[in-house]
């Protein structure tokens, strides 16, 4: 019975986090267009358009990320101390440093993209993980 209750909390919190991450992606898109048009111009490179048959995968990414982060939270939530929001932010920071930073390092070293673009991806990934961490710490303490 407890396992079923825990699974419901994981799935509900990952769905909420996925919806918030999807909303965040749209907000960041509009902010980027408005405030960082030079950065957005880099996306006109054909390398960034895989074709319409794979475009839906882009919109599913927040939900895949949220589910993976929910699993990470479930496995590590007892490691974080303090108020719920500090625990959530710390989980996001840990994930950002452990997973996102090395990914951006190898991306910058292997693909011809600007440092500004890679830094923006890192900061965005960190923001995503911290937002998801807040959701998990609140809904699945």
N, C-alpha and C. Protein backbone atom coordinates (compact mmCIF):
# COMPACT_ATOMS: atom_id res chain seq x y z
N UNK A 1 0.82 -1.20 0.00
CA UNK A 1 0.00 0.00 0.00
C UNK A 1 0.87 1.27 0.00
N UNK A 2 1.92 1.26 0.83
CA UNK A 2 2.81 2.42 0.91
C UNK A 2 3.53 2.65 -0.42
N UNK A 3 3.94 1.57 -1.07
CA UNK A 3 4.61 1.68 -2.36
C UNK A 3 3.70 2.36 -3.38
N UNK A 4 2.44 2.00 -3.38
CA UNK A 4 1.48 2.60 -4.31
C UNK A 4 1.30 4.10 -4.02
N UNK A 5 1.24 4.45 -2.74
CA UNK A 5 1.11 5.85 -2.34
C UNK A 5 2.35 6.65 -2.76
N UNK A 6 3.53 6.06 -2.55
CA UNK A 6 4.77 6.71 -2.96
C UNK A 6 4.84 6.90 -4.47
N UNK A 7 4.40 5.89 -5.21
CA UNK A 7 4.40 5.97 -6.67
C UNK A 7 3.46 7.08 -7.15
N UNK A 8 2.31 7.21 -6.51
CA UNK A 8 1.38 8.29 -6.87
C UNK A 8 2.02 9.66 -6.65
N UNK A 9 2.75 9.82 -5.55
CA UNK A 9 3.41 11.09 -5.27
C UNK A 9 4.49 11.39 -6.31
N UNK A 10 5.22 10.36 -6.70
CA UNK A 10 6.27 10.54 -7.71
C UNK A 10 5.65 10.93 -9.05
N UNK A 11 4.62 10.22 -9.46
CA UNK A 11 3.99 10.51 -10.75
C UNK A 11 3.30 11.86 -10.76
N UNK A 12 2.58 12.19 -9.68
CA UNK A 12 1.90 13.49 -9.62
C UNK A 12 2.91 14.63 -9.63
N UNK A 13 3.95 14.52 -8.82
CA UNK A 13 4.94 15.60 -8.76
C UNK A 13 5.69 15.72 -10.09
N UNK A 14 5.94 14.60 -10.77
CA UNK A 14 6.63 14.70 -12.06
C UNK A 14 5.72 15.30 -13.13
N UNK A 15 4.42 15.02 -13.07
CA UNK A 15 3.49 15.64 -14.02
C UNK A 15 3.41 17.15 -13.79
N UNK A 16 3.30 17.57 -12.53
CA UNK A 16 3.26 19.00 -12.21
C UNK A 16 4.56 19.67 -12.65
N UNK A 17 5.69 19.04 -12.32
CA UNK A 17 6.98 19.60 -12.72
C UNK A 17 7.10 19.66 -14.24
N UNK A 18 6.64 18.63 -14.95
CA UNK A 18 6.68 18.63 -16.41
C UNK A 18 5.89 19.78 -17.01
N UNK A 19 4.70 20.02 -16.47
CA UNK A 19 3.88 21.14 -16.96
C UNK A 19 4.56 22.49 -16.69
N UNK A 20 5.14 22.63 -15.50
CA UNK A 20 5.86 23.88 -15.19
C UNK A 20 7.10 24.05 -16.06
N UNK A 21 7.81 22.96 -16.32
CA UNK A 21 8.99 23.06 -17.18
C UNK A 21 8.61 23.39 -18.63
N UNK A 22 7.47 22.88 -19.08
CA UNK A 22 6.99 23.24 -20.42
C UNK A 22 6.65 24.72 -20.48
N UNK A 23 5.97 25.22 -19.44
CA UNK A 23 5.66 26.65 -19.37
C UNK A 23 6.94 27.48 -19.31
N UNK A 24 7.91 27.00 -18.53
CA UNK A 24 9.19 27.70 -18.44
C UNK A 24 9.88 27.77 -19.80
N UNK A 25 9.82 26.70 -20.56
CA UNK A 25 10.47 26.70 -21.87
C UNK A 25 9.87 27.75 -22.79
N UNK A 26 8.54 27.90 -22.75
CA UNK A 26 7.91 28.95 -23.56
C UNK A 26 8.29 30.34 -23.05
N UNK A 27 8.31 30.52 -21.74
CA UNK A 27 8.68 31.82 -21.17
C UNK A 27 10.12 32.18 -21.55
N UNK A 28 11.02 31.22 -21.43
CA UNK A 28 12.42 31.47 -21.78
C UNK A 28 12.56 31.78 -23.27
N UNK A 29 11.77 31.10 -24.09
CA UNK A 29 11.80 31.38 -25.53
C UNK A 29 11.45 32.84 -25.82
N UNK A 30 10.35 33.31 -25.23
CA UNK A 30 9.93 34.68 -25.49
C UNK A 30 10.88 35.70 -24.88
N UNK A 31 11.41 35.43 -23.70
CA UNK A 31 12.40 36.32 -23.08
C UNK A 31 13.67 36.37 -23.93
N UNK A 32 14.09 35.21 -24.42
CA UNK A 32 15.30 35.16 -25.24
C UNK A 32 15.15 35.95 -26.52
N UNK A 33 14.01 35.81 -27.18
CA UNK A 33 13.77 36.54 -28.43
C UNK A 33 13.81 38.04 -28.16
N UNK A 34 13.22 38.44 -27.06
CA UNK A 34 13.12 39.87 -26.73
C UNK A 34 14.44 40.46 -26.25
N UNK A 35 15.14 39.76 -25.36
CA UNK A 35 16.30 40.31 -24.69
C UNK A 35 17.64 39.84 -25.23
N UNK A 36 17.66 38.72 -25.95
CA UNK A 36 18.93 38.17 -26.45
C UNK A 36 18.80 37.77 -27.92
N UNK A 37 18.45 38.71 -28.80
CA UNK A 37 18.23 38.36 -30.20
C UNK A 37 19.48 37.81 -30.89
N UNK A 38 20.66 38.24 -30.49
CA UNK A 38 21.89 37.71 -31.09
C UNK A 38 22.07 36.24 -30.79
N UNK A 39 21.74 35.85 -29.58
CA UNK A 39 21.82 34.44 -29.20
C UNK A 39 20.80 33.62 -29.98
N UNK A 40 19.60 34.14 -30.13
CA UNK A 40 18.54 33.42 -30.84
C UNK A 40 18.91 33.23 -32.31
N UNK A 41 19.64 34.18 -32.90
CA UNK A 41 20.05 34.06 -34.29
C UNK A 41 20.91 32.82 -34.54
N UNK A 42 21.64 32.37 -33.52
CA UNK A 42 22.46 31.17 -33.68
C UNK A 42 21.60 29.94 -33.97
N UNK A 43 20.35 29.97 -33.57
CA UNK A 43 19.46 28.83 -33.79
C UNK A 43 18.97 28.72 -35.23
N UNK A 44 19.28 29.70 -36.06
CA UNK A 44 18.90 29.61 -37.47
C UNK A 44 19.79 28.63 -38.24
N UNK A 45 20.80 28.11 -37.59
CA UNK A 45 21.66 27.10 -38.18
C UNK A 45 20.83 25.83 -38.39
N UNK A 46 20.89 25.22 -39.58
CA UNK A 46 20.11 24.00 -39.85
C UNK A 46 20.39 22.86 -38.88
N UNK A 47 21.52 22.92 -38.19
CA UNK A 47 21.87 21.90 -37.22
C UNK A 47 20.79 21.79 -36.11
N UNK A 48 20.06 22.87 -35.88
CA UNK A 48 19.08 22.90 -34.79
C UNK A 48 17.67 22.52 -35.22
N UNK A 49 17.48 22.07 -36.43
CA UNK A 49 16.14 21.65 -36.85
C UNK A 49 16.21 20.22 -37.38
N UNK A 50 15.75 19.25 -36.59
CA UNK A 50 15.86 17.86 -36.99
C UNK A 50 14.79 17.40 -37.98
N UNK A 51 13.83 18.25 -38.26
CA UNK A 51 12.73 17.90 -39.14
C UNK A 51 11.43 17.79 -38.37
N UNK A 52 10.35 17.95 -39.06
CA UNK A 52 9.05 18.00 -38.39
C UNK A 52 8.65 16.66 -37.77
N UNK A 53 9.17 15.57 -38.30
CA UNK A 53 8.78 14.25 -37.76
C UNK A 53 9.32 14.05 -36.34
N UNK A 54 10.34 14.80 -35.92
CA UNK A 54 10.90 14.67 -34.58
C UNK A 54 10.59 15.86 -33.69
N UNK A 55 9.85 16.83 -34.20
CA UNK A 55 9.60 18.05 -33.45
C UNK A 55 8.83 17.79 -32.15
N UNK A 56 7.93 16.81 -32.15
CA UNK A 56 7.15 16.53 -30.95
C UNK A 56 8.04 16.09 -29.79
N UNK A 57 9.16 15.47 -30.09
CA UNK A 57 10.08 15.05 -29.04
C UNK A 57 10.56 16.24 -28.21
N UNK A 58 10.69 17.39 -28.84
CA UNK A 58 11.11 18.60 -28.15
C UNK A 58 10.09 18.97 -27.07
N UNK A 59 8.81 18.83 -27.37
CA UNK A 59 7.77 19.21 -26.43
C UNK A 59 7.56 18.16 -25.34
N UNK A 60 8.04 16.96 -25.56
CA UNK A 60 7.97 15.92 -24.54
C UNK A 60 9.15 15.98 -23.57
N UNK A 61 10.20 16.69 -23.96
CA UNK A 61 11.41 16.77 -23.13
C UNK A 61 11.13 17.20 -21.68
N UNK A 62 10.31 18.22 -21.41
CA UNK A 62 10.08 18.60 -20.02
C UNK A 62 9.50 17.46 -19.17
N UNK A 63 8.69 16.63 -19.78
CA UNK A 63 8.07 15.53 -19.04
C UNK A 63 9.07 14.38 -18.81
N UNK A 64 9.92 14.13 -19.80
CA UNK A 64 10.96 13.12 -19.63
C UNK A 64 11.94 13.58 -18.54
N UNK A 65 12.36 14.84 -18.62
CA UNK A 65 13.27 15.39 -17.62
C UNK A 65 12.63 15.35 -16.24
N UNK A 66 11.37 15.74 -16.14
CA UNK A 66 10.68 15.75 -14.84
C UNK A 66 10.59 14.35 -14.24
N UNK A 67 10.30 13.37 -15.06
CA UNK A 67 10.21 12.00 -14.56
C UNK A 67 11.58 11.50 -14.08
N UNK A 68 12.62 11.81 -14.84
CA UNK A 68 13.97 11.42 -14.42
C UNK A 68 14.39 12.13 -13.14
N UNK A 69 14.09 13.42 -13.05
CA UNK A 69 14.44 14.16 -11.84
C UNK A 69 13.60 13.70 -10.65
N UNK A 70 12.36 13.28 -10.89
CA UNK A 70 11.52 12.76 -9.81
C UNK A 70 12.14 11.48 -9.24
N UNK A 71 12.66 10.65 -10.12
CA UNK A 71 13.34 9.44 -9.66
C UNK A 71 14.58 9.81 -8.87
N UNK A 72 15.36 10.77 -9.36
CA UNK A 72 16.55 11.25 -8.66
C UNK A 72 16.18 11.79 -7.29
N UNK A 73 15.11 12.58 -7.22
CA UNK A 73 14.64 13.14 -5.95
C UNK A 73 14.25 12.01 -5.00
N UNK A 74 13.51 11.05 -5.48
CA UNK A 74 13.05 9.95 -4.64
C UNK A 74 14.23 9.20 -4.04
N UNK A 75 15.29 9.03 -4.82
CA UNK A 75 16.47 8.30 -4.35
C UNK A 75 17.35 9.12 -3.42
N UNK A 76 17.28 10.45 -3.51
CA UNK A 76 18.25 11.28 -2.78
C UNK A 76 17.62 12.26 -1.79
N UNK A 77 16.31 12.31 -1.68
CA UNK A 77 15.67 13.36 -0.89
C UNK A 77 16.06 13.35 0.58
N UNK A 78 16.46 12.23 1.12
CA UNK A 78 16.87 12.17 2.52
C UNK A 78 18.24 12.78 2.76
N UNK A 79 18.95 13.12 1.69
CA UNK A 79 20.28 13.72 1.82
C UNK A 79 20.24 15.23 2.05
N UNK A 80 19.09 15.84 1.79
CA UNK A 80 18.97 17.29 1.86
C UNK A 80 18.29 17.69 3.17
N UNK A 81 18.82 18.74 3.79
CA UNK A 81 18.27 19.21 5.05
C UNK A 81 17.79 20.64 4.91
N UNK A 82 16.95 21.04 5.84
CA UNK A 82 16.46 22.41 5.87
C UNK A 82 15.02 22.50 5.42
N UNK A 83 14.61 23.72 5.20
CA UNK A 83 13.24 23.98 4.77
C UNK A 83 13.02 23.37 3.38
N UNK A 84 11.77 23.17 3.01
CA UNK A 84 11.45 22.47 1.76
C UNK A 84 12.07 23.16 0.56
N UNK A 85 12.04 24.49 0.53
CA UNK A 85 12.54 25.19 -0.64
C UNK A 85 14.06 25.10 -0.75
N UNK A 86 14.76 25.05 0.41
CA UNK A 86 16.22 24.87 0.36
C UNK A 86 16.58 23.47 -0.12
N UNK A 87 15.80 22.48 0.30
CA UNK A 87 16.04 21.11 -0.14
C UNK A 87 15.85 21.00 -1.65
N UNK A 88 14.78 21.62 -2.16
CA UNK A 88 14.51 21.58 -3.59
C UNK A 88 15.58 22.29 -4.41
N UNK A 89 15.99 23.46 -3.95
CA UNK A 89 17.03 24.19 -4.67
C UNK A 89 18.36 23.44 -4.65
N UNK A 90 18.67 22.83 -3.50
CA UNK A 90 19.92 22.07 -3.41
C UNK A 90 19.92 20.87 -4.36
N UNK A 91 18.79 20.18 -4.44
CA UNK A 91 18.71 19.05 -5.38
C UNK A 91 18.96 19.54 -6.80
N UNK A 92 18.36 20.67 -7.18
CA UNK A 92 18.57 21.21 -8.51
C UNK A 92 20.02 21.60 -8.75
N UNK A 93 20.64 22.18 -7.74
CA UNK A 93 22.04 22.56 -7.86
C UNK A 93 22.94 21.33 -8.00
N UNK A 94 22.68 20.31 -7.19
CA UNK A 94 23.46 19.07 -7.27
C UNK A 94 23.33 18.47 -8.67
N UNK A 95 22.10 18.34 -9.17
CA UNK A 95 21.90 17.80 -10.51
C UNK A 95 22.61 18.66 -11.56
N UNK A 96 22.48 19.98 -11.43
CA UNK A 96 23.09 20.88 -12.40
C UNK A 96 24.60 20.71 -12.47
N UNK A 97 25.23 20.58 -11.32
CA UNK A 97 26.69 20.44 -11.30
C UNK A 97 27.12 19.04 -11.75
N UNK A 98 26.39 18.03 -11.32
CA UNK A 98 26.79 16.65 -11.61
C UNK A 98 26.45 16.24 -13.04
N UNK A 99 25.33 16.68 -13.58
CA UNK A 99 24.89 16.21 -14.89
C UNK A 99 25.00 17.27 -15.99
N UNK A 100 24.52 18.46 -15.70
CA UNK A 100 24.45 19.47 -16.75
C UNK A 100 25.82 20.06 -17.07
N UNK A 101 26.60 20.38 -16.07
CA UNK A 101 27.92 20.98 -16.31
C UNK A 101 28.82 20.08 -17.17
N UNK A 102 28.99 18.80 -16.84
CA UNK A 102 29.81 17.96 -17.72
C UNK A 102 29.25 17.82 -19.14
N UNK A 103 27.92 17.79 -19.24
CA UNK A 103 27.30 17.70 -20.57
C UNK A 103 27.60 18.94 -21.41
N UNK A 104 27.55 20.09 -20.77
CA UNK A 104 27.83 21.33 -21.50
C UNK A 104 29.32 21.44 -21.82
N UNK A 105 30.15 20.92 -20.95
CA UNK A 105 31.61 20.92 -21.20
C UNK A 105 31.92 20.13 -22.48
N UNK A 106 31.36 18.91 -22.57
CA UNK A 106 31.65 18.08 -23.74
C UNK A 106 30.97 18.65 -24.99
N UNK A 107 29.82 19.25 -24.83
CA UNK A 107 29.14 19.87 -25.97
C UNK A 107 30.00 21.00 -26.55
N UNK A 108 30.52 21.86 -25.68
CA UNK A 108 31.34 22.98 -26.15
C UNK A 108 32.63 22.49 -26.78
N UNK A 109 33.18 21.41 -26.25
CA UNK A 109 34.45 20.92 -26.79
C UNK A 109 34.28 20.13 -28.08
N UNK A 110 33.07 19.61 -28.36
CA UNK A 110 32.89 18.73 -29.51
C UNK A 110 32.07 19.33 -30.65
N UNK A 111 31.30 20.37 -30.38
CA UNK A 111 30.42 20.95 -31.39
C UNK A 111 30.72 22.43 -31.52
N UNK A 112 30.63 22.95 -32.72
CA UNK A 112 30.91 24.36 -32.94
C UNK A 112 29.67 25.19 -32.57
N UNK A 113 29.61 25.56 -31.31
CA UNK A 113 28.59 26.48 -30.79
C UNK A 113 29.32 27.49 -29.92
N UNK A 114 28.72 28.66 -29.76
CA UNK A 114 29.39 29.71 -29.00
C UNK A 114 29.38 29.40 -27.50
N UNK A 115 30.34 29.98 -26.82
CA UNK A 115 30.40 29.84 -25.36
C UNK A 115 29.15 30.43 -24.72
N UNK A 116 28.66 31.53 -25.25
CA UNK A 116 27.45 32.15 -24.71
C UNK A 116 26.27 31.19 -24.82
N UNK A 117 26.16 30.50 -25.94
CA UNK A 117 25.05 29.56 -26.11
C UNK A 117 25.17 28.42 -25.10
N UNK A 118 26.34 27.86 -24.94
CA UNK A 118 26.52 26.76 -24.01
C UNK A 118 26.27 27.23 -22.57
N UNK A 119 26.73 28.41 -22.23
CA UNK A 119 26.46 28.95 -20.90
C UNK A 119 24.96 29.16 -20.68
N UNK A 120 24.26 29.60 -21.72
CA UNK A 120 22.81 29.78 -21.59
C UNK A 120 22.12 28.43 -21.40
N UNK A 121 22.59 27.40 -22.07
CA UNK A 121 22.03 26.06 -21.88
C UNK A 121 22.28 25.57 -20.46
N UNK A 122 23.50 25.82 -19.95
CA UNK A 122 23.81 25.40 -18.58
C UNK A 122 22.90 26.11 -17.58
N UNK A 123 22.77 27.41 -17.71
CA UNK A 123 21.92 28.17 -16.78
C UNK A 123 20.46 27.74 -16.89
N UNK A 124 20.00 27.49 -18.10
CA UNK A 124 18.63 27.02 -18.30
C UNK A 124 18.43 25.64 -17.67
N UNK A 125 19.40 24.75 -17.85
CA UNK A 125 19.31 23.42 -17.24
C UNK A 125 19.30 23.50 -15.72
N UNK A 126 20.11 24.39 -15.19
CA UNK A 126 20.14 24.60 -13.74
C UNK A 126 18.79 25.13 -13.25
N UNK A 127 18.24 26.07 -13.97
CA UNK A 127 16.93 26.63 -13.62
C UNK A 127 15.84 25.55 -13.67
N UNK A 128 15.87 24.73 -14.71
CA UNK A 128 14.90 23.64 -14.82
C UNK A 128 14.99 22.69 -13.62
N UNK A 129 16.20 22.28 -13.29
CA UNK A 129 16.39 21.34 -12.19
C UNK A 129 15.98 21.94 -10.86
N UNK A 130 16.26 23.21 -10.66
CA UNK A 130 15.88 23.86 -9.41
C UNK A 130 14.36 24.01 -9.29
N UNK A 131 13.72 24.36 -10.39
CA UNK A 131 12.26 24.47 -10.38
C UNK A 131 11.64 23.10 -10.10
N UNK A 132 12.13 22.08 -10.77
CA UNK A 132 11.61 20.72 -10.52
C UNK A 132 11.88 20.32 -9.08
N UNK A 133 13.05 20.64 -8.56
CA UNK A 133 13.38 20.32 -7.17
C UNK A 133 12.42 20.97 -6.20
N UNK A 134 12.04 22.21 -6.48
CA UNK A 134 11.05 22.88 -5.62
C UNK A 134 9.71 22.16 -5.64
N UNK A 135 9.30 21.73 -6.81
CA UNK A 135 8.03 20.99 -6.93
C UNK A 135 8.11 19.69 -6.13
N UNK A 136 9.19 18.95 -6.30
CA UNK A 136 9.32 17.66 -5.62
C UNK A 136 9.39 17.84 -4.10
N UNK A 137 10.14 18.85 -3.65
CA UNK A 137 10.28 19.06 -2.21
C UNK A 137 8.95 19.46 -1.59
N UNK A 138 8.12 20.13 -2.35
CA UNK A 138 6.80 20.55 -1.83
C UNK A 138 5.77 19.43 -1.90
N UNK A 139 5.72 18.73 -3.02
CA UNK A 139 4.67 17.72 -3.23
C UNK A 139 5.06 16.31 -2.75
N UNK A 140 6.36 16.06 -2.65
CA UNK A 140 6.82 14.73 -2.26
C UNK A 140 8.00 14.84 -1.28
N UNK A 141 7.71 15.43 -0.11
CA UNK A 141 8.82 15.65 0.84
C UNK A 141 9.37 14.35 1.35
